[in-house]
Protein backbone atom coordinates (compact mmCIF):
# COMPACT_ATOMS: atom_id res chain seq x y z
CA MET A 1 10.15 16.01 5.77
CA LYS A 2 13.03 14.56 7.75
CA ALA A 3 14.97 11.46 6.87
CA GLY A 4 17.25 9.54 9.21
CA VAL A 5 17.93 6.63 11.51
CA TYR A 6 15.64 5.45 14.31
CA SER A 7 15.40 2.73 16.93
CA ILE A 8 12.62 0.77 18.57
CA LYS A 9 13.97 -0.43 21.91
CA ASN A 10 12.49 -2.97 24.29
CA LYS A 11 12.91 -1.49 27.80
CA VAL A 12 12.73 -4.94 29.43
CA ASP A 13 15.20 -7.09 27.49
CA LYS A 14 17.13 -4.13 25.97
CA LYS A 15 16.91 -5.54 22.43
CA CYS A 16 16.75 -2.92 19.75
CA TYR A 17 15.46 -2.67 16.18
CA ILE A 18 17.35 -0.12 14.07
CA GLY A 19 15.97 1.28 10.83
CA MET A 20 16.27 4.19 8.47
CA SER A 21 13.78 6.06 6.36
CA VAL A 22 13.44 9.02 4.06
CA ASN A 23 10.25 9.95 5.98
CA LEU A 24 10.72 9.26 9.69
CA SER A 25 7.29 10.31 10.92
CA ASN A 26 5.44 8.11 8.42
CA ARG A 27 7.75 5.15 8.99
CA LEU A 28 7.43 5.23 12.79
CA ARG A 29 3.64 5.61 12.52
CA ASN A 30 3.60 2.62 10.13
CA HIS A 31 5.70 0.49 12.52
CA LYS A 32 3.35 1.23 15.40
CA TRP A 33 0.24 0.48 13.34
CA LYS A 34 1.64 -2.85 12.13
CA LEU A 35 2.77 -3.85 15.63
CA ASN A 36 -0.58 -2.95 17.19
CA ASN A 37 -2.39 -4.93 14.48
CA ASN A 38 -0.07 -7.96 14.63
CA LYS A 39 1.07 -7.42 11.03
CA HIS A 40 4.74 -6.47 11.38
CA GLU A 41 7.10 -8.13 8.90
CA ASN A 42 9.80 -8.63 11.57
CA ILE A 43 8.48 -11.62 13.52
CA HIS A 44 11.01 -11.17 16.36
CA LEU A 45 9.93 -7.59 16.95
CA GLN A 46 6.26 -8.54 16.65
CA ASN A 47 6.59 -11.39 19.16
CA SER A 48 8.42 -9.11 21.58
CA TRP A 49 5.74 -6.42 21.18
CA ASN A 50 3.00 -8.98 21.81
CA LYS A 51 4.78 -10.30 24.92
CA TYR A 52 5.86 -7.03 26.57
CA GLU A 53 3.22 -4.64 25.15
CA GLU A 54 3.55 -1.10 23.82
CA ASP A 55 4.39 0.63 27.12
CA ASN A 56 7.67 -1.29 27.29
CA PHE A 57 9.05 0.12 24.02
CA ASP A 58 10.78 3.38 23.21
CA PHE A 59 10.74 4.86 19.71
CA GLU A 60 13.74 7.14 19.27
CA ILE A 61 15.11 9.14 16.37
CA LEU A 62 18.88 8.66 16.48
CA GLU A 63 19.89 11.00 13.67
CA THR A 64 18.16 13.18 11.12
CA VAL A 65 19.26 14.53 7.76
CA ASP A 66 17.54 16.45 5.00
CA LYS A 67 16.09 14.12 2.37
CA LYS A 68 18.05 15.94 -0.34
CA GLU A 69 21.28 14.75 1.34
CA ILE A 70 20.19 11.13 0.95
CA ASP A 71 19.18 11.67 -2.68
CA THR A 72 22.78 12.69 -3.48
CA LEU A 73 24.41 9.59 -1.98
CA PRO A 74 25.89 7.07 -4.41
CA GLU A 75 24.15 3.71 -4.62
């Protein structure tokens, strides 16, 4: 399981959502499901997705780390 930082970028207006997760594959899958079902908690991202549609977005993993590295970080 990989943890890290990811982006969801609108190819049209160039706006970008940045997030991080301890499980990148699950988190990105969850984002896409919520966006496709009009249930995303970020209303700006959801509105943009509804307006420009899925083909105009790039999901990109910006950096990965082992989950154990995150577990050792101070709070």
